[in-house]
């Protein structure tokens, strides 16, 4: 069984997993809501603690939509399961699946992102693809027709990072430029079009900067880290989820504070979480059900540190809850847990501060899950 001495060891392990060169056994686990079969366990029974999905040990990357799931294996194949009413599984139909089904036959998939009803993915050649619901042009295909299988967005081979949200999408190119498309009801596209909020059905550049690095979309807002370590936000701000110390919505990027040491950022449904380069964990936005991990249920409109630890490795925000992995490979959760058991703690009790999930120290990575009530994780 592998051991983990710190963040750099974990990063090296995941790089090896993605490259298919790791000799360990990356297994897929799922828990939480399962009403559409999104846990991949061939049923619709909820789970309140992690359960292994099949027996394969070749999983590399994960993403959750609202009620569906996506994964890439170490061989570059793409798999999906769960709700499929808008074709978001990409398997050429709208039939739900309760266990993983391969999307096409290609072996060149690299990254994935799920939203409520649409999916984004890129290939190793830098092309960007989309499928699912498209009523507001969120697929970026210059129309509003749904797709039930992957379709390439334009002809570019320079897409690097991306995120999908409720009826809109955002992406960063390899040149550091930022692009958005889809609905724009709260200025979430960042195009400074106050008063019109015009939707876009193909990618439009946000400003002229070439220093955007990491991205996370909220319901109708966006969080982005630049190459200089600064954090920026825009869009809907009803619960202070932009981190700007107020509840005023913005239609163009605004810097969150003055710090230059933000390392990663994630957002669930109005819950925002981030890790700094010093390994500290921070949260802001809606605090109901303890989703911010601050030992209370109060909203915060600017980042607040979660505890005093400096050993956080990865954090992901979900639908009123969060999951995180520490540098020692342990898994932690907090927030809303109701009857679905989404915290993985073998009960349905809410938690307002981080609680360890089991005793294992071999967790490798978490699913992107901004709208999900279920969880996916890879364990070594």
Protein backbone atom coordinates (compact mmCIF):
# COMPACT_ATOMS: atom_id res chain seq x y z
CA UNK A 1 0.00 0.00 0.00
CA UNK A 2 1.50 3.38 -0.96
CA UNK A 3 2.27 5.97 1.68
CA UNK A 4 2.19 9.73 1.26
CA UNK A 5 4.78 12.06 2.73
CA UNK A 6 3.33 15.30 1.40
CA UNK A 7 1.65 17.27 -1.36
CA UNK A 8 4.41 16.75 -3.91
CA UNK A 9 4.19 12.98 -3.47
CA UNK A 10 0.44 13.09 -4.11
CA UNK A 11 0.87 15.27 -7.18
CA UNK A 12 3.50 12.90 -8.55
CA UNK A 13 1.22 9.94 -7.95
CA UNK A 14 -1.67 11.54 -9.84
CA UNK A 15 0.60 12.53 -12.73
CA UNK A 16 1.67 8.91 -12.98
CA UNK A 17 -1.95 7.74 -12.79
CA UNK A 18 -2.94 10.07 -15.64
CA UNK A 19 0.03 8.93 -17.71
CA UNK A 20 -0.75 5.28 -17.10
CA UNK A 21 2.71 4.68 -15.60
CA UNK A 22 1.79 4.26 -11.93
CA UNK A 23 2.10 0.71 -10.59
CA UNK A 24 -0.52 1.29 -7.89
CA UNK A 25 -4.20 0.44 -8.07
CA UNK A 26 -6.40 3.54 -8.61
CA UNK A 27 -9.88 2.33 -7.60
CA UNK A 28 -13.11 4.31 -8.01
CA UNK A 29 -15.43 4.87 -5.04
CA UNK A 30 -18.87 6.52 -4.87
CA UNK A 31 -21.44 7.53 -2.25
CA UNK A 32 -24.45 9.80 -1.65
CA UNK A 33 -27.59 10.33 -3.73
CA UNK A 34 -28.21 7.67 -6.36
CA UNK A 35 -31.71 8.31 -7.68
CA UNK A 36 -30.52 8.30 -11.30
CA UNK A 37 -27.85 5.62 -10.94
CA UNK A 38 -25.08 8.23 -10.80
CA UNK A 39 -23.05 6.19 -8.30
CA UNK A 40 -22.41 3.62 -11.03
CA UNK A 41 -23.31 0.69 -8.77
CA UNK A 42 -25.91 -0.80 -11.12
CA UNK A 43 -28.81 0.26 -8.87
CA UNK A 44 -30.50 3.39 -7.50
CA UNK A 45 -29.84 2.75 -3.81
CA UNK A 46 -28.29 5.61 -1.83
CA UNK A 47 -24.99 5.02 -0.02
CA UNK A 48 -23.80 6.89 3.08
CA UNK A 49 -20.21 5.64 2.96
CA UNK A 50 -17.76 5.00 0.09
CA UNK A 51 -18.46 1.90 -2.03
CA UNK A 52 -16.16 0.70 -4.81
CA UNK A 53 -17.52 1.01 -8.35
CA UNK A 54 -16.72 -2.27 -10.07
CA UNK A 55 -13.33 -3.93 -9.75
CA UNK A 56 -11.27 -1.94 -12.24
CA UNK A 57 -8.06 -0.24 -11.13
CA UNK A 58 -7.51 2.01 -14.13
CA UNK A 59 -9.36 5.21 -13.22
CA UNK A 60 -7.63 8.54 -13.69
CA UNK A 61 -9.97 11.58 -13.62
CA UNK A 62 -13.51 12.24 -12.39
CA UNK A 63 -16.35 14.77 -12.74
CA UNK A 64 -19.94 14.93 -11.50
CA UNK A 65 -22.88 16.64 -13.12
CA UNK A 66 -26.06 17.29 -11.16
CA UNK A 67 -27.24 13.67 -11.41
CA UNK A 68 -24.68 12.07 -13.68
CA UNK A 69 -21.02 11.09 -13.53
CA UNK A 70 -18.00 11.06 -15.83
CA UNK A 71 -14.59 9.43 -15.67
CA UNK A 72 -11.45 9.01 -17.76
CA UNK A 73 -9.36 5.87 -17.50
CA UNK A 74 -5.59 5.65 -17.72
CA UNK A 75 -5.95 4.40 -21.32
CA UNK A 76 -7.63 7.69 -22.32
CA UNK A 77 -11.11 6.23 -22.72
CA UNK A 78 -14.12 8.24 -21.48
CA UNK A 79 -16.98 6.74 -19.46
CA UNK A 80 -20.32 8.11 -18.19
CA UNK A 81 -23.39 7.03 -16.21
CA UNK A 82 -26.50 8.41 -14.48
CA UNK A 83 -29.17 10.79 -15.75
CA UNK A 84 -29.26 11.29 -19.50
CA UNK A 85 -32.44 13.21 -20.32
CA UNK A 86 -30.57 15.79 -22.41
CA UNK A 87 -27.92 13.48 -23.84
CA UNK A 88 -25.36 14.61 -21.25
CA UNK A 89 -23.81 11.13 -21.10
CA UNK A 90 -22.64 11.49 -24.70
CA UNK A 91 -23.65 7.97 -25.70
CA UNK A 92 -25.88 8.97 -28.68
CA UNK A 93 -29.20 8.54 -26.83
CA UNK A 94 -31.13 9.74 -23.78
CA UNK A 95 -31.27 6.46 -21.86
CA UNK A 96 -30.18 6.55 -18.22
CA UNK A 97 -27.34 4.24 -17.12
CA UNK A 98 -26.61 2.98 -13.61
CA UNK A 99 -23.12 1.67 -14.37
CA UNK A 100 -20.25 3.10 -16.46
CA UNK A 101 -20.69 3.06 -20.25
CA UNK A 102 -17.91 4.02 -22.66
CA UNK A 103 -18.40 7.20 -24.68
CA UNK A 104 -17.38 6.27 -28.21
CA UNK A 105 -14.15 4.36 -28.84
CA UNK A 106 -11.51 7.08 -28.64
CA UNK A 107 -8.48 6.82 -26.35
CA UNK A 108 -7.43 10.46 -26.36
CA UNK A 109 -9.62 12.06 -23.66
CA UNK A 110 -7.76 14.19 -21.13
CA UNK A 111 -10.01 16.36 -18.89
CA UNK A 112 -13.76 16.47 -18.15
CA UNK A 113 -16.32 18.80 -16.54
CA UNK A 114 -20.02 18.22 -15.80
CA UNK A 115 -22.81 20.70 -15.03
CA UNK A 116 -26.55 20.35 -14.53
CA UNK A 117 -27.28 18.92 -17.97
CA UNK A 118 -24.24 19.39 -20.22
CA UNK A 119 -20.66 18.19 -20.42
CA UNK A 120 -17.30 19.58 -21.57
CA UNK A 121 -14.17 17.56 -22.29
CA UNK A 122 -10.88 18.07 -24.04
CA UNK A 123 -8.55 15.66 -25.77
CA UNK A 124 -4.81 15.30 -25.56
CA UNK A 125 -4.53 17.29 -28.80
CA UNK A 126 -6.00 20.39 -27.08
CA UNK A 127 -9.37 20.28 -28.84
CA UNK A 128 -12.50 21.05 -26.77
CA UNK A 129 -15.74 19.07 -27.06
CA UNK A 130 -19.27 19.44 -25.66
CA UNK A 131 -22.62 17.65 -25.50
CA UNK A 132 -25.97 17.64 -23.67
CA UNK A 133 -28.46 20.47 -23.08
CA UNK A 134 -27.90 23.56 -25.24
CA UNK A 135 -30.96 25.80 -24.81
CA UNK A 136 -28.82 28.86 -24.01
CA UNK A 137 -25.88 28.05 -26.27
CA UNK A 138 -23.88 26.54 -23.38
CA UNK A 139 -22.29 23.99 -25.70
CA UNK A 140 -20.49 26.79 -27.59
CA UNK A 141 -21.51 25.39 -30.99
CA UNK A 142 -23.10 28.59 -32.33
CA UNK A 143 -26.64 27.22 -32.03
CA UNK A 144 -29.11 26.03 -29.38
CA UNK A 145 -29.56 22.40 -30.45
CA UNK A 146 -28.96 19.64 -27.91
CA UNK A 147 -26.28 17.02 -28.65
CA UNK A 148 -26.18 13.42 -27.39
CA UNK A 149 -22.60 12.73 -28.46
CA UNK A 150 -19.39 14.81 -28.36
CA UNK A 151 -19.09 17.67 -30.87
CA UNK A 152 -15.94 19.75 -31.28
CA UNK A 153 -16.13 23.46 -30.36
CA UNK A 154 -14.51 25.23 -33.29
CA UNK A 155 -11.23 24.00 -34.72
CA UNK A 156 -8.72 25.25 -32.14
CA UNK A 157 -6.21 22.96 -30.43
CA UNK A 158 -5.28 25.38 -27.65
CA UNK A 159 -7.82 24.72 -24.89
CA UNK A 160 -6.24 24.13 -21.50
CA UNK A 161 -8.65 24.47 -18.52
CA UNK A 162 -12.45 24.69 -18.48
CA UNK A 163 -15.54 24.55 -16.28
CA UNK A 164 -19.25 24.08 -16.96
CA UNK A 165 -22.14 25.54 -14.99
CA UNK A 166 -25.91 26.04 -15.17
CA UNK A 167 -26.50 26.77 -18.86
CA UNK A 168 -23.07 28.37 -19.39
CA UNK A 169 -19.40 27.48 -19.73
CA UNK A 170 -15.93 29.01 -19.35
CA UNK A 171 -12.47 28.00 -20.53
CA UNK A 172 -8.84 29.10 -20.58
CA UNK A 173 -6.56 28.65 -23.59
CA UNK A 174 -2.88 27.76 -23.52
CA UNK A 175 -2.06 31.41 -24.23
CA UNK A 176 -3.69 32.40 -20.91
CA UNK A 177 -6.77 34.05 -22.44
CA UNK A 178 -10.21 33.49 -20.87
CA UNK A 179 -13.39 32.68 -22.81
CA UNK A 180 -17.07 32.28 -21.82
CA UNK A 181 -20.37 31.37 -23.48
CA UNK A 182 -24.01 30.47 -22.74
CA UNK A 183 -26.54 32.25 -20.54
CA UNK A 184 -25.59 35.61 -19.01
CA UNK A 185 -28.48 36.34 -16.64
CA UNK A 186 -26.27 37.63 -13.80
CA UNK A 187 -23.31 38.97 -15.76
CA UNK A 188 -21.65 35.60 -15.24
CA UNK A 189 -19.94 35.71 -18.65
CA UNK A 190 -17.77 38.57 -17.37
CA UNK A 191 -18.30 40.65 -20.49
CA UNK A 192 -19.28 43.89 -18.72
CA UNK A 193 -22.63 44.12 -20.52
CA UNK A 194 -24.70 45.46 -17.64
CA UNK A 195 -28.33 46.00 -18.63
CA UNK A 196 -28.31 43.61 -21.55
CA UNK A 197 -26.82 40.35 -20.23
CA UNK A 198 -26.81 38.95 -23.75
CA UNK A 199 -26.30 35.20 -23.99
CA UNK A 200 -23.58 33.87 -26.30
CA UNK A 201 -23.68 30.57 -28.22
CA UNK A 202 -19.97 30.47 -29.05
CA UNK A 203 -16.85 31.40 -27.03
CA UNK A 204 -16.23 35.13 -26.44
CA UNK A 205 -13.00 36.44 -24.91
CA UNK A 206 -13.22 38.08 -21.47
CA UNK A 207 -11.04 41.19 -21.69
CA UNK A 208 -7.57 41.04 -23.24
CA UNK A 209 -5.44 39.56 -20.45
CA UNK A 210 -3.23 36.53 -21.05
CA UNK A 211 -2.56 35.65 -17.41
CA UNK A 212 -5.53 33.46 -16.46
CA UNK A 213 -4.53 30.11 -14.97
CA UNK A 214 -7.21 28.17 -13.03
CA UNK A 215 -11.00 28.38 -13.18
CA UNK A 216 -14.11 27.36 -11.24
CA UNK A 217 -17.69 28.25 -12.16
CA UNK A 218 -20.49 28.81 -9.65
CA UNK A 219 -24.20 28.64 -10.46
CA UNK A 220 -24.07 32.07 -12.10
CA UNK A 221 -20.62 33.30 -11.15
CA UNK A 222 -16.97 32.61 -11.77
CA UNK A 223 -13.74 32.35 -9.78
CA UNK A 224 -10.37 32.44 -11.53
CA UNK A 225 -6.76 32.44 -10.36
CA UNK A 226 -4.14 34.28 -12.41
CA UNK A 227 -0.56 33.22 -12.97
CA UNK A 228 0.53 35.75 -10.33
CA UNK A 229 -1.52 33.96 -7.66
CA UNK A 230 -4.26 36.58 -7.42
CA UNK A 231 -7.92 35.51 -7.21
CA UNK A 232 -10.70 37.16 -9.25
CA UNK A 233 -14.49 36.78 -9.35
CA UNK A 234 -17.67 38.04 -11.04
CA UNK A 235 -21.36 37.21 -11.54
CA UNK A 236 -24.13 36.61 -9.04
CA UNK A 237 -23.30 37.57 -5.45
CA UNK A 238 -26.50 37.20 -3.39
CA UNK A 239 -24.74 35.32 -0.57
CA UNK A 240 -21.34 36.94 -0.83
CA UNK A 241 -20.07 34.05 -2.94
CA UNK A 242 -17.78 36.34 -4.93
CA UNK A 243 -15.69 36.94 -1.80
CA UNK A 244 -15.70 40.72 -2.30
CA UNK A 245 -16.98 41.61 1.19
CA UNK A 246 -20.42 42.60 -0.11
CA UNK A 247 -23.44 41.11 -1.91
CA UNK A 248 -23.25 43.20 -5.09
CA UNK A 249 -23.19 41.25 -8.36
CA UNK A 250 -20.46 42.02 -10.90
CA UNK A 251 -20.40 41.65 -14.70
CA UNK A 252 -16.62 41.82 -15.12
CA UNK A 253 -13.65 40.42 -13.15
CA UNK A 254 -12.84 41.99 -9.76
CA UNK A 255 -9.89 40.99 -7.58
CA UNK A 256 -10.67 39.20 -4.32
CA UNK A 257 -8.49 40.97 -1.75
CA UNK A 258 -4.83 41.66 -2.49
CA UNK A 259 -3.17 38.30 -1.81
CA UNK A 260 -0.97 36.58 -4.38
CA UNK A 261 -0.76 33.10 -2.89
CA UNK A 262 -3.93 31.37 -4.08
CA UNK A 263 -3.21 27.88 -5.39
CA UNK A 264 -6.57 26.27 -6.24
CA UNK A 265 -10.23 27.22 -6.11
CA UNK A 266 -13.53 25.34 -6.29
CA UNK A 267 -17.19 26.23 -6.01
CA UNK A 268 -20.38 24.36 -5.25
CA UNK A 269 -23.89 25.80 -5.07
CA UNK A 270 -23.03 29.19 -3.54
CA UNK A 271 -20.23 27.60 -1.45
CA UNK A 272 -16.68 28.61 -2.39
CA UNK A 273 -13.48 26.97 -1.18
CA UNK A 274 -9.82 27.55 -1.95
CA UNK A 275 -6.35 26.46 -0.90
CA UNK A 276 -3.34 28.77 -0.65
CA UNK A 277 0.25 27.90 -1.47
CA UNK A 278 0.91 27.49 2.26
CA UNK A 279 -1.60 24.61 2.43
CA UNK A 280 -4.27 26.54 4.35
CA UNK A 281 -7.96 26.09 3.48
CA UNK A 282 -10.40 29.00 3.04
CA UNK A 283 -14.16 29.30 2.39
CA UNK A 284 -16.89 31.89 1.79
CA UNK A 285 -20.47 32.21 0.51
CA UNK A 286 -23.53 30.42 1.86
CA UNK A 287 -22.98 28.88 5.29
CA UNK A 288 -26.32 27.11 5.69
CA UNK A 289 -26.03 23.48 6.87
CA UNK A 290 -22.38 24.11 7.76
CA UNK A 291 -21.23 24.10 4.15
CA UNK A 292 -18.33 26.48 4.80
CA UNK A 293 -16.76 24.24 7.44
CA UNK A 294 -16.45 27.13 9.91
CA UNK A 295 -18.32 25.44 12.77
CA UNK A 296 -21.45 27.54 12.23
CA UNK A 297 -24.14 28.20 9.60
CA UNK A 298 -23.42 31.88 8.91
CA UNK A 299 -22.78 33.29 5.43
CA UNK A 300 -19.40 34.88 4.71
CA UNK A 301 -18.77 37.49 2.01
CA UNK A 302 -14.96 37.26 2.09
CA UNK A 303 -12.54 34.33 2.53
CA UNK A 304 -12.24 32.91 6.07
CA UNK A 305 -9.69 30.27 7.07
CA UNK A 306 -11.06 26.82 7.90
CA UNK A 307 -9.19 25.78 11.04
CA UNK A 308 -5.44 26.28 11.34
CA UNK A 309 -4.02 23.33 9.40
CA UNK A 310 -1.53 23.78 6.56
CA UNK A 311 -1.85 20.29 5.11
CA UNK A 312 -4.76 20.58 2.67
CA UNK A 313 -4.05 19.14 -0.78
CA UNK A 314 -7.33 19.21 -2.77
CA UNK A 315 -10.78 20.63 -2.04
CA UNK A 316 -14.02 20.43 -4.03
CA UNK A 317 -17.36 22.15 -3.41
CA UNK A 318 -20.63 20.33 -4.06
CA UNK A 319 -24.32 21.02 -3.55
CA UNK A 320 -24.24 22.46 0.01
CA UNK A 321 -21.26 20.33 1.06
CA UNK A 322 -17.51 19.97 0.54
CA UNK A 323 -14.87 17.26 0.32
CA UNK A 324 -11.13 17.60 0.80
CA UNK A 325 -7.98 15.49 0.80
CA UNK A 326 -4.99 16.28 3.00
CA UNK A 327 -1.35 15.73 2.09
CA UNK A 328 -1.35 12.56 4.21
CA UNK A 329 -3.95 11.00 1.89
CA UNK A 330 -6.86 11.25 4.34
CA UNK A 331 -10.36 12.24 3.14
CA UNK A 332 -12.54 14.85 4.91
CA UNK A 333 -16.09 16.18 4.45
CA UNK A 334 -18.52 18.73 5.89
CA UNK A 335 -21.86 20.43 5.21
CA UNK A 336 -25.31 19.16 4.30
CA UNK A 337 -25.78 15.42 4.74
CA UNK A 338 -29.58 14.81 4.95
CA UNK A 339 -31.05 11.45 3.92
CA UNK A 340 -28.59 11.01 1.06
CA UNK A 341 -25.44 10.52 3.12
CA UNK A 342 -23.37 12.61 0.74
CA UNK A 343 -20.64 13.22 3.36
CA UNK A 344 -19.67 9.54 3.35
CA UNK A 345 -19.76 9.32 7.16
CA UNK A 346 -22.19 6.39 7.37
CA UNK A 347 -24.98 8.61 8.72
CA UNK A 348 -27.23 11.51 7.65
CA UNK A 349 -26.08 14.12 10.18
CA UNK A 350 -24.94 17.55 8.97
CA UNK A 351 -21.41 18.65 9.90
CA UNK A 352 -20.26 22.28 10.19
CA UNK A 353 -16.53 21.52 10.35
CA UNK A 354 -14.32 18.96 8.60
CA UNK A 355 -14.72 15.32 9.71
CA UNK A 356 -12.52 12.48 8.47
CA UNK A 357 -14.18 9.91 6.20
CA UNK A 358 -13.01 6.55 7.48
CA UNK A 359 -9.39 5.93 8.42
CA UNK A 360 -7.71 5.35 5.04
CA UNK A 361 -4.63 7.34 4.01
CA UNK A 362 -4.61 6.39 0.32
CA UNK A 363 -7.08 8.79 -1.28
CA UNK A 364 -5.66 10.27 -4.48
CA UNK A 365 -8.16 12.66 -6.01
CA UNK A 366 -11.76 13.91 -5.87
CA UNK A 367 -14.36 14.54 -8.52
CA UNK A 368 -15.27 18.03 -9.67
CA UNK A 369 -18.84 18.21 -8.33
CA UNK A 370 -20.24 21.78 -8.27
CA UNK A 371 -23.91 20.75 -8.56
CA UNK A 372 -23.84 17.20 -7.28
CA UNK A 373 -25.40 15.55 -4.22
CA UNK A 374 -23.21 12.50 -4.71
CA UNK A 375 -19.46 12.02 -4.50
CA UNK A 376 -16.73 10.24 -6.42
CA UNK A 377 -13.12 9.70 -5.41
CA UNK A 378 -10.12 7.64 -6.50
CA UNK A 379 -8.23 5.64 -3.89
CA UNK A 380 -4.83 3.98 -4.26
